[in-house]
Amino acid sequence: MKRYFAGIIACFLLISCLTGCKGEPEPENASSVSTEAQAPEPTLYPAEIYSQLSNDKIAWGLKKVKGEKPEVPESITKTLSEFDGVYLSKSGGKNLYLTFDEGYENGYTGQILDVLKKTQTPAAFFITGDYLKNEAELVKRMVDEGHIVGNHTQNHPSMPEVPDVTTLAKEITGLDEQFFALTGQHMRYLRPPKGEFSEKTLAVSKDLGYKSVFWSFAYADWEKDKVNGAQYAYDHVMPYLHDGAILLLHAVSKDNADALEQIITDAKAAGYTFKSLDEL
């Protein structure tokens, strides 16, 4: 890790001297990802800088504890903090952050948006390139109704398995370019597909201007053909609510869509407030 930051400093000094010390190094391959918060201009450094970081695949995992924050290995939380990754609100409090992963549409996102609108609840939807291409109207509705649309990469690869930095960057920036063409907005948050990442992929994401968003709660809800009913989803979510939780639900689940209003209503009754990722 220290070599990575030392390499960035050395690279900066070298390029600055070669250009007459006139400013920041030029990005190798990055789109201009502006943010409402006026974040620093994203800069993707030369590939040799990232080669100093580990690309060993880490699979996001946690041990759920009823009514409490989950147990996550300290080594993983330390890595996340160094590269602007989050899985839990640092401020804690009785706040919840509702997120959905959207790889494809199974007919329930409209229902989910209806519930969010009825209950005045903010959410974030992490979409892929196929979802954006095939469900442009739903994506525009997400934006129009005030929700965050996050980057789940163009083709949903395991990010550590992408062969080079340029290709990895394009998985991120290519989707953002298409999203900007549709909505006039840029993406600010990224969720690594399958929850798989490495120091290298976190660094690339951060340098492209993204906060990597993991989760502190999820359950096996992604198999669209397994329908167990709204009560099943409710019973799997409610006991594990905890302060500062980032909740991951898959929008392909009929169970989730049918249970969502009751989950939101009862969570609010228990004193929780649903907040936007912008309030993390």
Protein backbone atom coordinates (compact mmCIF):
# COMPACT_ATOMS: atom_id res chain seq x y z
CA MET A 1 0.00 0.00 0.00
CA LYS A 2 2.74 2.45 0.90
CA ARG A 3 4.46 1.64 -2.41
CA TYR A 4 1.26 2.59 -4.22
CA PHE A 5 1.10 6.03 -2.66
CA ALA A 6 4.84 6.50 -3.08
CA GLY A 7 4.43 5.53 -6.72
CA ILE A 8 1.69 8.11 -7.20
CA ILE A 9 3.88 10.83 -5.73
CA ALA A 10 6.81 9.83 -7.92
CA CYS A 11 4.58 9.71 -10.99
CA PHE A 12 3.16 13.11 -10.20
CA LEU A 13 6.59 14.66 -9.81
CA LEU A 14 7.88 13.08 -13.01
CA ILE A 15 4.95 14.16 -15.16
CA SER A 16 4.88 17.61 -13.60
CA CYS A 17 8.53 18.12 -14.45
CA LEU A 18 8.04 16.84 -17.99
CA THR A 19 5.22 19.35 -18.49
CA GLY A 20 7.02 22.24 -16.87
CA CYS A 21 5.48 21.57 -13.44
CA LYS A 22 2.23 23.12 -14.64
CA GLY A 23 -0.25 20.92 -12.82
CA GLU A 24 -1.77 17.49 -12.31
CA PRO A 25 -0.80 14.47 -14.45
CA GLU A 26 -3.13 13.82 -17.34
CA PRO A 27 -5.47 10.83 -16.86
CA GLU A 28 -4.51 7.71 -18.77
CA ASN A 29 -8.09 6.74 -19.50
CA ALA A 30 -10.99 8.31 -17.67
CA SER A 31 -14.16 10.15 -18.43
CA SER A 32 -14.85 13.43 -16.70
CA VAL A 33 -17.03 12.30 -13.81
CA SER A 34 -18.26 15.50 -12.22
CA THR A 35 -20.29 15.42 -9.02
CA GLU A 36 -22.77 17.70 -7.37
CA ALA A 37 -20.39 17.94 -4.40
CA GLN A 38 -17.61 19.32 -6.64
CA ALA A 39 -15.24 16.44 -5.93
CA PRO A 40 -11.64 16.64 -7.18
CA GLU A 41 -11.15 15.87 -10.87
CA PRO A 42 -10.83 12.07 -11.23
CA THR A 43 -7.39 10.92 -12.34
CA LEU A 44 -6.45 7.46 -13.54
CA TYR A 45 -2.72 6.98 -13.14
CA PRO A 46 -0.45 4.88 -15.39
CA ALA A 47 -0.99 1.13 -15.10
CA GLU A 48 2.37 0.52 -13.42
CA ILE A 49 1.17 2.48 -10.40
CA TYR A 50 -1.73 0.07 -9.85
CA SER A 51 0.50 -2.95 -10.45
CA GLN A 52 2.09 -2.20 -7.07
CA LEU A 53 -1.20 -3.05 -5.37
CA SER A 54 -2.52 -6.51 -4.65
CA ASN A 55 -5.07 -7.86 -7.10
CA ASP A 56 -5.90 -10.86 -4.93
CA LYS A 57 -9.64 -11.33 -5.07
CA ILE A 58 -11.55 -10.56 -1.88
CA ALA A 59 -15.15 -11.74 -1.68
CA TRP A 60 -17.28 -9.45 0.45
CA GLY A 61 -18.74 -11.37 3.33
CA LEU A 62 -20.05 -10.77 6.80
CA LYS A 63 -21.59 -12.54 9.73
CA LYS A 64 -25.05 -11.23 10.46
CA VAL A 65 -26.08 -10.60 14.06
CA LYS A 66 -29.72 -10.00 14.93
CA GLY A 67 -30.33 -6.39 15.93
CA GLU A 68 -26.63 -5.54 15.77
CA LYS A 69 -24.01 -4.50 13.27
CA PRO A 70 -22.53 -7.47 11.39
CA GLU A 71 -19.11 -8.90 12.07
CA VAL A 72 -16.58 -8.04 9.34
CA PRO A 73 -12.85 -8.89 9.47
CA GLU A 74 -10.77 -5.89 10.51
CA SER A 75 -8.35 -6.41 7.62
CA ILE A 76 -11.19 -5.90 5.14
CA THR A 77 -12.65 -2.83 6.84
CA LYS A 78 -9.18 -1.28 6.94
CA THR A 79 -8.73 -1.84 3.20
CA LEU A 80 -12.11 -0.29 2.46
CA SER A 81 -11.36 2.80 4.53
CA GLU A 82 -8.10 3.39 2.67
CA PHE A 83 -9.85 3.45 -0.71
CA ASP A 84 -13.12 5.27 0.10
CA GLY A 85 -15.19 2.11 0.44
CA VAL A 86 -18.15 1.82 2.81
CA TYR A 87 -20.51 -0.87 4.03
CA LEU A 88 -22.02 0.96 6.99
CA SER A 89 -22.70 4.56 7.88
CA LYS A 90 -19.82 5.91 9.95
CA SER A 91 -22.16 8.29 11.73
CA GLY A 92 -24.38 5.43 12.86
CA GLY A 93 -27.62 6.54 14.47
CA LYS A 94 -30.97 5.00 13.68
CA ASN A 95 -30.46 5.51 9.97
CA LEU A 96 -30.94 3.04 7.12
CA TYR A 97 -29.73 3.24 3.52
CA LEU A 98 -31.83 1.23 1.09
CA THR A 99 -30.11 -0.08 -2.04
CA PHE A 100 -31.16 -2.38 -4.88
CA ASP A 101 -29.01 -4.25 -7.40
CA GLU A 102 -30.41 -4.26 -10.94
CA GLY A 103 -28.78 -6.65 -13.39
CA TYR A 104 -31.97 -7.24 -15.35
CA GLU A 105 -35.65 -6.44 -15.03
CA ASN A 106 -38.07 -9.02 -13.67
CA GLY A 107 -41.17 -6.84 -13.59
CA TYR A 108 -41.00 -5.51 -10.04
CA THR A 109 -39.00 -2.28 -10.21
CA GLY A 110 -42.07 -0.22 -11.08
CA GLN A 111 -43.83 -1.63 -8.01
CA ILE A 112 -40.78 -0.86 -5.88
CA LEU A 113 -40.69 2.72 -7.17
CA ASP A 114 -44.40 3.08 -6.42
CA VAL A 115 -43.80 2.03 -2.80
CA LEU A 116 -40.82 4.36 -2.43
CA LYS A 117 -42.88 7.24 -3.78
CA LYS A 118 -45.86 6.44 -1.52
CA THR A 119 -43.69 6.20 1.59
CA GLN A 120 -41.36 9.06 0.58
CA THR A 121 -38.32 6.84 0.95
CA PRO A 122 -35.00 7.46 -0.87
CA ALA A 123 -33.09 4.56 -2.39
CA ALA A 124 -30.15 3.77 -4.64
CA PHE A 125 -30.31 1.46 -7.66
CA PHE A 126 -27.06 -0.08 -8.91
CA ILE A 127 -27.48 -0.87 -12.59
CA THR A 128 -25.49 -2.64 -15.32
CA GLY A 129 -25.03 -1.72 -18.96
CA ASP A 130 -27.69 -4.19 -20.10
CA TYR A 131 -30.17 -2.76 -17.62
CA LEU A 132 -29.55 0.78 -18.83
CA LYS A 133 -29.89 -0.30 -22.46
CA ASN A 134 -33.09 -2.29 -21.97
CA GLU A 135 -34.82 -0.30 -19.21
CA ALA A 136 -34.11 3.34 -20.05
CA GLU A 137 -37.57 4.51 -19.00
CA LEU A 138 -37.26 2.92 -15.56
CA VAL A 139 -33.80 4.45 -15.13
CA LYS A 140 -35.15 7.88 -16.05
CA ARG A 141 -37.97 7.38 -13.58
CA MET A 142 -35.46 6.56 -10.81
CA VAL A 143 -33.67 9.83 -11.51
CA ASP A 144 -36.84 11.87 -11.93
CA GLU A 145 -38.15 10.65 -8.57
CA GLY A 146 -34.98 11.65 -6.76
CA HIS A 147 -33.23 8.31 -6.32
CA ILE A 148 -29.54 7.63 -6.81
CA VAL A 149 -28.52 5.46 -9.75
CA GLY A 150 -25.19 3.79 -9.08
CA ASN A 151 -22.63 2.03 -11.25
CA HIS A 152 -22.66 -1.79 -11.25
CA THR A 153 -20.27 -1.84 -14.26
CA GLN A 154 -21.01 -2.28 -17.93
CA ASN A 155 -20.83 -6.08 -18.13
CA HIS A 156 -20.96 -7.21 -14.48
CA PRO A 157 -17.53 -8.90 -14.36
CA SER A 158 -15.64 -9.90 -11.27
CA MET A 159 -13.47 -6.78 -11.18
CA PRO A 160 -10.21 -8.48 -10.09
CA GLU A 161 -10.55 -10.79 -13.11
CA VAL A 162 -10.60 -7.92 -15.62
CA PRO A 163 -7.25 -8.27 -17.44
CA ASP A 164 -5.91 -4.70 -17.40
CA VAL A 165 -6.50 -1.27 -15.91
CA THR A 166 -7.71 0.29 -19.16
CA THR A 167 -10.40 -2.37 -19.61
CA LEU A 168 -11.40 -2.12 -15.95
CA ALA A 169 -11.73 1.65 -16.21
CA LYS A 170 -13.89 1.30 -19.33
CA GLU A 171 -16.22 -1.06 -17.46
CA ILE A 172 -16.90 1.89 -15.14
CA THR A 173 -16.64 4.95 -17.35
CA GLY A 174 -18.41 3.37 -20.32
CA LEU A 175 -21.56 2.88 -18.28
CA ASP A 176 -21.33 6.38 -16.86
CA GLU A 177 -21.04 7.88 -20.33
CA GLN A 178 -24.24 6.14 -21.41
CA PHE A 179 -26.01 7.18 -18.22
CA PHE A 180 -24.96 10.79 -18.77
CA ALA A 181 -26.26 10.66 -22.35
CA LEU A 182 -29.64 9.49 -21.03
CA THR A 183 -30.02 11.66 -17.93
CA GLY A 184 -27.48 14.49 -18.03
CA GLN A 185 -26.09 13.24 -14.71
CA HIS A 186 -22.93 11.36 -13.75
CA MET A 187 -22.68 8.38 -11.43
CA ARG A 188 -20.93 8.81 -8.07
CA TYR A 189 -21.28 5.44 -6.35
CA LEU A 190 -20.12 2.00 -7.45
CA ARG A 191 -21.01 -1.47 -6.25
CA PRO A 192 -18.52 -4.15 -7.31
CA PRO A 193 -20.31 -7.01 -9.08
CA LYS A 194 -20.67 -10.13 -6.94
CA GLY A 195 -19.10 -8.18 -4.09
CA GLU A 196 -15.66 -9.16 -5.42
CA PHE A 197 -12.82 -6.65 -5.25
CA SER A 198 -9.12 -6.15 -4.59
CA GLU A 199 -6.87 -3.32 -3.46
CA LYS A 200 -6.22 -2.60 -7.12
CA THR A 201 -9.88 -2.40 -8.15
CA LEU A 202 -10.76 -0.23 -5.17
CA ALA A 203 -7.92 2.13 -6.07
CA VAL A 204 -9.02 2.40 -9.71
CA SER A 205 -12.61 3.06 -8.63
CA LYS A 206 -11.54 5.72 -6.14
CA ASP A 207 -9.25 7.44 -8.64
CA LEU A 208 -12.14 7.58 -11.12
CA GLY A 209 -14.13 9.51 -8.51
CA TYR A 210 -16.28 6.73 -7.04
CA LYS A 211 -17.19 5.66 -3.54
CA SER A 212 -17.42 1.86 -3.48
CA VAL A 213 -20.59 0.87 -1.65
CA PHE A 214 -20.90 -2.59 -0.12
CA TRP A 215 -23.58 -3.57 2.42
CA SER A 216 -24.11 -4.56 6.03
CA PHE A 217 -27.21 -6.63 5.31
CA ALA A 218 -28.26 -8.95 2.50
CA TYR A 219 -29.90 -12.33 2.16
CA ALA A 220 -30.31 -14.93 -0.61
CA ASP A 221 -32.96 -13.07 -2.63
CA TRP A 222 -31.52 -13.06 -6.15
CA GLU A 223 -33.03 -16.27 -7.56
CA LYS A 224 -36.12 -15.03 -9.36
CA ASP A 225 -37.80 -18.45 -9.51
CA LYS A 226 -37.74 -18.94 -5.75
CA VAL A 227 -40.91 -17.21 -4.57
CA ASN A 228 -41.66 -17.71 -0.87
CA GLY A 229 -44.01 -14.80 -0.19
CA ALA A 230 -43.84 -11.34 1.33
CA GLN A 231 -43.71 -12.66 4.89
CA TYR A 232 -40.58 -14.62 4.05
CA ALA A 233 -38.77 -11.48 2.90
CA TYR A 234 -40.06 -9.49 5.87
CA ASP A 235 -38.87 -12.14 8.33
CA HIS A 236 -35.41 -12.21 6.74
CA VAL A 237 -34.96 -8.43 6.82
CA MET A 238 -36.53 -7.02 9.97
CA PRO A 239 -34.57 -8.93 12.66
CA TYR A 240 -31.27 -7.71 11.20
CA LEU A 241 -31.91 -3.97 11.06
CA HIS A 242 -29.17 -2.05 12.83
CA ASP A 243 -27.91 1.51 13.18
CA GLY A 244 -26.31 2.82 10.01
CA ALA A 245 -27.22 -0.24 7.95
CA ILE A 246 -26.74 -0.27 4.20
CA LEU A 247 -29.37 -2.74 3.04
CA LEU A 248 -28.94 -4.70 -0.17
CA LEU A 249 -32.06 -6.12 -1.80
CA HIS A 250 -32.38 -7.53 -5.30
CA ALA A 251 -35.19 -6.01 -7.33
CA VAL A 252 -35.84 -9.27 -9.22
CA SER A 253 -37.46 -10.70 -6.07
CA LYS A 254 -41.26 -10.68 -5.93
CA ASP A 255 -40.96 -11.36 -2.22
CA ASN A 256 -39.00 -8.14 -1.71
CA ALA A 257 -41.35 -6.06 -3.82
CA ASP A 258 -44.41 -7.36 -1.98
CA ALA A 259 -42.84 -6.92 1.47
CA LEU A 260 -41.20 -3.56 0.90
CA GLU A 261 -43.99 -1.26 2.09
CA GLN A 262 -44.42 -3.18 5.35
CA ILE A 263 -40.65 -3.28 5.92
CA ILE A 264 -40.39 0.50 5.44
CA THR A 265 -43.46 1.24 7.55
CA ASP A 266 -42.39 -0.95 10.46
CA ALA A 267 -38.77 0.20 10.34
CA LYS A 268 -39.94 3.81 10.59
CA ALA A 269 -42.27 2.85 13.44
CA ALA A 270 -39.25 1.36 15.22
CA GLY A 271 -37.53 4.75 15.03
CA TYR A 272 -35.41 4.32 11.90
CA THR A 273 -35.00 6.99 9.24
CA PHE A 274 -34.24 6.08 5.63
CA LYS A 275 -31.56 8.29 4.16
CA SER A 276 -29.84 8.82 0.82
CA LEU A 277 -26.30 7.59 0.20
CA ASP A 278 -25.44 11.27 -0.20
CA GLU A 279 -25.99 11.54 3.56
CA LEU A 280 -23.54 8.78 4.50
